[in-house]
Amino acid sequence: MRAVRTLAVTATAIAAVGLAAPLAAATNNGGNGGTGGNGGPREVTISPAAVHQGSTLTITVRGCTRGGTVTSNAFPQTNLSVNSNGISTAIARVFNHATPGNYNLAVRCNDNPNDVATRQFTVLEARGALGGIGGSLAPSSTEMAVGGSMVAAAALGGGLFIVRRRRLSSEKVSRPPVGWDA
């Protein structure tokens, strides 16, 4: 029984090492000191892929271990900041006057400025605040009819309440107390 258990543990360990070896070779970065394979940008992602004029987008890049730059016609040149896990990020604010449409951005690493990665994103037309019409329109005839009927119902109900209270009050005053003869 012990031999079977030992054999199973050994086989699992060999499988784990065998499966991890290609991953370790891939992250060795070509033996150039860990500068990202050929030192160029890879796995460039843009979030969100479609932004309104004046909004910001986040660019995430792997392979730029010493930072780099992101350029586009839709925003000013932005520098990549490097994290400890080897992922570089940049936040770019799209121009307020950028024409809506598709744009490309180019990522260039400081490690190897000859390699450039490009990605496409979309600039959408900006829209104003969705604050409602704010009283800029007159009420419709339906709104006036509903409002008028509510005021009339309130006036009628209030009038009936006051008349009923008076009648009850006058009845109490006009009755002589019990046991009182006039």
C-alpha atoms as a PDB file:
ATOM      1  CA  MET A   1       0.000   0.000   0.000  1.00  0.00           C
ATOM      2  CA  ARG A   2       2.842   2.377   0.797  1.00  0.00           C
ATOM      3  CA  ALA A   3       4.477   1.724  -2.557  1.00  0.00           C
ATOM      4  CA  VAL A   4       1.294   2.614  -4.420  1.00  0.00           C
ATOM      5  CA  ARG A   5       0.915   5.860  -2.460  1.00  0.00           C
ATOM      6  CA  THR A   6       4.582   6.761  -3.001  1.00  0.00           C
ATOM      7  CA  LEU A   7       4.273   6.027  -6.711  1.00  0.00           C
ATOM      8  CA  ALA A   8       1.170   8.244  -6.983  1.00  0.00           C
ATOM      9  CA  VAL A   9       2.870  11.159  -5.203  1.00  0.00           C
ATOM     10  CA  THR A  10       5.981  10.785  -7.387  1.00  0.00           C
ATOM     11  CA  ALA A  11       3.913  10.690 -10.588  1.00  0.00           C
ATOM     12  CA  THR A  12       2.006  13.807  -9.511  1.00  0.00           C
ATOM     13  CA  ALA A  13       5.238  15.671  -8.757  1.00  0.00           C
ATOM     14  CA  ILE A  14       6.747  14.712 -12.115  1.00  0.00           C
ATOM     15  CA  ALA A  15       3.576  15.813 -13.916  1.00  0.00           C
ATOM     16  CA  ALA A  16       3.593  19.154 -12.093  1.00  0.00           C
ATOM     17  CA  VAL A  17       7.236  19.784 -12.979  1.00  0.00           C
ATOM     18  CA  GLY A  18       6.632  18.657 -16.561  1.00  0.00           C
ATOM     19  CA  LEU A  19       3.687  20.998 -16.980  1.00  0.00           C
ATOM     20  CA  ALA A  20       5.466  23.923 -15.322  1.00  0.00           C
ATOM     21  CA  ALA A  21       8.619  23.644 -17.439  1.00  0.00           C
ATOM     22  CA  PRO A  22       7.111  25.207 -20.613  1.00  0.00           C
ATOM     23  CA  LEU A  23       5.673  28.031 -18.519  1.00  0.00           C
ATOM     24  CA  ALA A  24       9.047  28.678 -16.883  1.00  0.00           C
ATOM     25  CA  ALA A  25      10.757  28.671 -20.273  1.00  0.00           C
ATOM     26  CA  ALA A  26       8.210  31.116 -21.644  1.00  0.00           C
ATOM     27  CA  THR A  27       8.683  33.556 -18.776  1.00  0.00           C
ATOM     28  CA  ASN A  28      12.472  33.358 -18.986  1.00  0.00           C
ATOM     29  CA  ASN A  29      12.111  36.165 -21.539  1.00  0.00           C
ATOM     30  CA  GLY A  30      14.673  34.875 -23.982  1.00  0.00           C
ATOM     31  CA  GLY A  31      17.629  35.223 -21.628  1.00  0.00           C
ATOM     32  CA  ASN A  32      17.868  38.995 -21.957  1.00  0.00           C
ATOM     33  CA  GLY A  33      17.658  39.878 -18.294  1.00  0.00           C
ATOM     34  CA  GLY A  34      13.870  39.711 -17.952  1.00  0.00           C
ATOM     35  CA  THR A  35      13.078  42.622 -20.221  1.00  0.00           C
ATOM     36  CA  GLY A  36      10.021  41.026 -21.794  1.00  0.00           C
ATOM     37  CA  GLY A  37      11.015  38.495 -24.467  1.00  0.00           C
ATOM     38  CA  ASN A  38      12.345  40.716 -27.194  1.00  0.00           C
ATOM     39  CA  GLY A  39      11.966  43.748 -24.928  1.00  0.00           C
ATOM     40  CA  GLY A  40       8.792  44.843 -26.674  1.00  0.00           C
ATOM     41  CA  PRO A  41       5.205  45.312 -25.629  1.00  0.00           C
ATOM     42  CA  ARG A  42       2.852  42.358 -25.618  1.00  0.00           C
ATOM     43  CA  GLU A  43      -0.639  41.656 -24.311  1.00  0.00           C
ATOM     44  CA  VAL A  44      -1.820  45.241 -24.730  1.00  0.00           C
ATOM     45  CA  THR A  45      -5.355  45.746 -23.405  1.00  0.00           C
ATOM     46  CA  ILE A  46      -7.541  48.844 -23.424  1.00  0.00           C
ATOM     47  CA  SER A  47     -10.361  49.362 -20.966  1.00  0.00           C
ATOM     48  CA  PRO A  48     -12.952  50.415 -21.969  1.00  0.00           C
ATOM     49  CA  ALA A  49     -12.677  49.862 -25.710  1.00  0.00           C
ATOM     50  CA  ALA A  50     -15.171  52.662 -26.418  1.00  0.00           C
ATOM     51  CA  VAL A  51     -15.047  55.982 -24.528  1.00  0.00           C
ATOM     52  CA  HIS A  52     -16.809  59.343 -24.750  1.00  0.00           C
ATOM     53  CA  GLN A  53     -14.947  62.537 -25.536  1.00  0.00           C
ATOM     54  CA  GLY A  54     -13.186  63.789 -22.393  1.00  0.00           C
ATOM     55  CA  SER A  55     -13.271  60.358 -20.691  1.00  0.00           C
ATOM     56  CA  THR A  56     -10.300  58.292 -19.562  1.00  0.00           C
ATOM     57  CA  LEU A  57      -9.127  54.893 -20.679  1.00  0.00           C
ATOM     58  CA  THR A  58      -6.665  52.510 -19.059  1.00  0.00           C
ATOM     59  CA  ILE A  59      -3.935  50.831 -21.096  1.00  0.00           C
ATOM     60  CA  THR A  60      -2.314  47.699 -19.629  1.00  0.00           C
ATOM     61  CA  VAL A  61       0.854  46.221 -21.150  1.00  0.00           C
ATOM     62  CA  ARG A  62       3.143  43.284 -20.423  1.00  0.00           C
ATOM     63  CA  GLY A  63       6.759  43.303 -21.510  1.00  0.00           C
ATOM     64  CA  CYS A  64       7.736  46.887 -20.740  1.00  0.00           C
ATOM     65  CA  THR A  65       9.756  46.333 -17.574  1.00  0.00           C
ATOM     66  CA  ARG A  66      11.336  49.788 -17.744  1.00  0.00           C
ATOM     67  CA  GLY A  67       8.219  51.716 -18.697  1.00  0.00           C
ATOM     68  CA  GLY A  68       7.425  53.277 -22.026  1.00  0.00           C
ATOM     69  CA  THR A  69       5.023  55.588 -23.804  1.00  0.00           C
ATOM     70  CA  VAL A  70       1.529  55.397 -25.279  1.00  0.00           C
ATOM     71  CA  THR A  71       0.655  57.734 -28.156  1.00  0.00           C
ATOM     72  CA  SER A  72      -2.495  58.440 -30.141  1.00  0.00           C
ATOM     73  CA  ASN A  73      -4.191  61.248 -32.017  1.00  0.00           C
ATOM     74  CA  ALA A  74      -7.047  61.123 -29.492  1.00  0.00           C
ATOM     75  CA  PHE A  75      -5.003  61.945 -26.360  1.00  0.00           C
ATOM     76  CA  PRO A  76      -1.622  63.414 -25.401  1.00  0.00           C
ATOM     77  CA  GLN A  77       1.420  61.161 -25.068  1.00  0.00           C
ATOM     78  CA  THR A  78       1.197  59.204 -21.807  1.00  0.00           C
ATOM     79  CA  ASN A  79       3.924  57.396 -19.886  1.00  0.00           C
ATOM     80  CA  LEU A  80       3.624  53.792 -18.737  1.00  0.00           C
ATOM     81  CA  SER A  81       4.206  53.158 -15.044  1.00  0.00           C
ATOM     82  CA  VAL A  82       5.721  49.794 -14.110  1.00  0.00           C
ATOM     83  CA  ASN A  83       4.279  47.610 -11.345  1.00  0.00           C
ATOM     84  CA  SER A  84       6.243  45.061  -9.344  1.00  0.00           C
ATOM     85  CA  ASN A  85       4.480  42.191 -11.149  1.00  0.00           C
ATOM     86  CA  GLY A  86       5.797  43.248 -14.586  1.00  0.00           C
ATOM     87  CA  ILE A  87       2.592  44.849 -15.799  1.00  0.00           C
ATOM     88  CA  SER A  88       2.774  48.434 -17.008  1.00  0.00           C
ATOM     89  CA  THR A  89      -0.251  50.716 -16.984  1.00  0.00           C
ATOM     90  CA  ALA A  90      -1.142  54.151 -18.265  1.00  0.00           C
ATOM     91  CA  ILE A  91      -4.269  56.254 -17.900  1.00  0.00           C
ATOM     92  CA  ALA A  92      -5.006  58.542 -20.822  1.00  0.00           C
ATOM     93  CA  ARG A  93      -7.690  61.229 -21.013  1.00  0.00           C
ATOM     94  CA  VAL A  94      -9.266  61.611 -24.445  1.00  0.00           C
ATOM     95  CA  PHE A  95      -9.409  65.170 -25.774  1.00  0.00           C
ATOM     96  CA  ASN A  96     -12.754  66.948 -25.316  1.00  0.00           C
ATOM     97  CA  HIS A  97     -12.679  67.939 -28.986  1.00  0.00           C
ATOM     98  CA  ALA A  98     -11.655  64.507 -30.367  1.00  0.00           C
ATOM     99  CA  THR A  99     -13.710  63.612 -33.421  1.00  0.00           C
ATOM    100  CA  PRO A 100     -15.902  60.561 -32.783  1.00  0.00           C
ATOM    101  CA  GLY A 101     -14.665  57.450 -34.565  1.00  0.00           C
ATOM    102  CA  ASN A 102     -11.996  54.740 -34.460  1.00  0.00           C
ATOM    103  CA  TYR A 103      -8.469  55.562 -33.315  1.00  0.00           C
ATOM    104  CA  ASN A 104      -5.242  53.603 -32.939  1.00  0.00           C
ATOM    105  CA  LEU A 105      -2.814  53.847 -30.082  1.00  0.00           C
ATOM    106  CA  ALA A 106       0.840  52.847 -30.198  1.00  0.00           C
ATOM    107  CA  VAL A 107       2.749  51.390 -27.248  1.00  0.00           C
ATOM    108  CA  ARG A 108       6.540  51.702 -27.264  1.00  0.00           C
ATOM    109  CA  CYS A 109       8.706  50.295 -24.462  1.00  0.00           C
ATOM    110  CA  ASN A 110      11.852  51.974 -23.165  1.00  0.00           C
ATOM    111  CA  ASP A 111      13.491  48.506 -23.210  1.00  0.00           C
ATOM    112  CA  ASN A 112      13.313  48.233 -26.985  1.00  0.00           C
ATOM    113  CA  PRO A 113      11.969  51.372 -28.695  1.00  0.00           C
ATOM    114  CA  ASN A 114      11.980  49.693 -32.118  1.00  0.00           C
ATOM    115  CA  ASP A 115       9.114  47.331 -31.219  1.00  0.00           C
ATOM    116  CA  VAL A 116       5.680  48.944 -31.301  1.00  0.00           C
ATOM    117  CA  ALA A 117       2.317  47.375 -30.482  1.00  0.00           C
ATOM    118  CA  THR A 118      -0.880  48.999 -31.731  1.00  0.00           C
ATOM    119  CA  ARG A 119      -4.472  48.596 -30.637  1.00  0.00           C
ATOM    120  CA  GLN A 120      -7.716  50.189 -31.780  1.00  0.00           C
ATOM    121  CA  PHE A 121     -10.342  51.928 -29.660  1.00  0.00           C
ATOM    122  CA  THR A 122     -13.435  54.008 -30.346  1.00  0.00           C
ATOM    123  CA  VAL A 123     -14.246  57.575 -29.308  1.00  0.00           C
ATOM    124  CA  LEU A 124     -17.965  58.194 -28.918  1.00  0.00           C
ATOM    125  CA  GLU A 125     -19.699  61.536 -29.127  1.00  0.00           C
ATOM    126  CA  ALA A 126     -20.005  63.160 -25.712  1.00  0.00           C
ATOM    127  CA  ARG A 127     -23.429  63.706 -24.326  1.00  0.00           C
ATOM    128  CA  GLY A 128     -24.608  66.295 -21.871  1.00  0.00           C
ATOM    129  CA  ALA A 129     -25.785  65.598 -18.370  1.00  0.00           C
ATOM    130  CA  LEU A 130     -28.982  63.610 -18.236  1.00  0.00           C
ATOM    131  CA  GLY A 131     -30.628  65.925 -15.740  1.00  0.00           C
ATOM    132  CA  GLY A 132     -34.141  65.942 -17.183  1.00  0.00           C
ATOM    133  CA  ILE A 133     -35.978  68.872 -18.703  1.00  0.00           C
ATOM    134  CA  GLY A 134     -35.902  70.823 -15.448  1.00  0.00           C
ATOM    135  CA  GLY A 135     -39.139  72.772 -15.836  1.00  0.00           C
ATOM    136  CA  SER A 136     -38.275  74.168 -19.225  1.00  0.00           C
ATOM    137  CA  LEU A 137     -41.594  72.983 -20.669  1.00  0.00           C
ATOM    138  CA  ALA A 138     -45.126  74.086 -19.755  1.00  0.00           C
ATOM    139  CA  PRO A 139     -47.461  71.438 -18.326  1.00  0.00           C
ATOM    140  CA  SER A 140     -49.603  69.520 -20.817  1.00  0.00           C
ATOM    141  CA  SER A 141     -53.389  69.624 -20.832  1.00  0.00           C
ATOM    142  CA  THR A 142     -53.507  66.155 -19.249  1.00  0.00           C
ATOM    143  CA  GLU A 143     -51.273  67.276 -16.397  1.00  0.00           C
ATOM    144  CA  MET A 144     -53.419  70.374 -15.904  1.00  0.00           C
ATOM    145  CA  ALA A 145     -56.639  68.290 -15.808  1.00  0.00           C
ATOM    146  CA  VAL A 146     -55.187  65.831 -13.277  1.00  0.00           C
ATOM    147  CA  GLY A 147     -53.826  68.642 -11.111  1.00  0.00           C
ATOM    148  CA  GLY A 148     -57.123  70.570 -11.272  1.00  0.00           C
ATOM    149  CA  SER A 149     -59.175  67.525 -10.323  1.00  0.00           C
ATOM    150  CA  MET A 150     -56.871  66.829  -7.364  1.00  0.00           C
ATOM    151  CA  VAL A 151     -57.282  70.421  -6.134  1.00  0.00           C
ATOM    152  CA  ALA A 152     -61.073  70.214  -6.571  1.00  0.00           C
ATOM    153  CA  ALA A 153     -61.226  66.886  -4.674  1.00  0.00           C
ATOM    154  CA  ALA A 154     -59.144  68.343  -1.849  1.00  0.00           C
ATOM    155  CA  ALA A 155     -61.361  71.437  -1.658  1.00  0.00           C
ATOM    156  CA  LEU A 156     -64.545  69.348  -1.663  1.00  0.00           C
ATOM    157  CA  GLY A 157     -63.203  66.972   1.000  1.00  0.00           C
ATOM    158  CA  GLY A 158     -62.034  69.863   3.175  1.00  0.00           C
ATOM    159  CA  GLY A 159     -65.371  71.652   2.813  1.00  0.00           C
ATOM    160  CA  LEU A 160     -67.331  68.536   3.790  1.00  0.00           C
ATOM    161  CA  PHE A 161     -65.083  67.984   6.783  1.00  0.00           C
ATOM    162  CA  ILE A 162     -65.626  71.571   8.037  1.00  0.00           C
ATOM    163  CA  VAL A 163     -69.419  71.480   7.482  1.00  0.00           C
ATOM    164  CA  ARG A 164     -69.716  68.154   9.310  1.00  0.00           C
ATOM    165  CA  ARG A 165     -67.662  69.436  12.245  1.00  0.00           C
ATOM    166  CA  ARG A 166     -69.884  72.515  12.563  1.00  0.00           C
ATOM    167  CA  ARG A 167     -73.061  70.461  12.511  1.00  0.00           C
ATOM    168  CA  LEU A 168     -71.783  68.164  15.272  1.00  0.00           C
ATOM    169  CA  SER A 169     -70.715  71.183  17.321  1.00  0.00           C
ATOM    170  CA  SER A 170     -74.055  72.933  16.941  1.00  0.00           C
ATOM    171  CA  GLU A 171     -75.953  69.783  17.947  1.00  0.00           C
ATOM    172  CA  LYS A 172     -73.989  69.565  21.161  1.00  0.00           C
ATOM    173  CA  VAL A 173     -74.746  73.176  22.049  1.00  0.00           C
ATOM    174  CA  SER A 174     -78.462  73.077  21.213  1.00  0.00           C
ATOM    175  CA  ARG A 175     -79.215  70.041  23.366  1.00  0.00           C
ATOM    176  CA  PRO A 176     -79.864  70.716  27.000  1.00  0.00           C
ATOM    177  CA  PRO A 177     -77.897  68.657  29.461  1.00  0.00           C
ATOM    178  CA  VAL A 178     -79.530  65.492  30.772  1.00  0.00           C
ATOM    179  CA  GLY A 179     -81.794  66.189  33.710  1.00  0.00           C
ATOM    180  CA  TRP A 180     -82.112  69.862  32.986  1.00  0.00           C
ATOM    181  CA  ASP A 181     -85.589  71.241  32.500  1.00  0.00           C
ATOM    182  CA  ALA A 182     -86.142  74.550  30.988  1.00  0.00           C
END
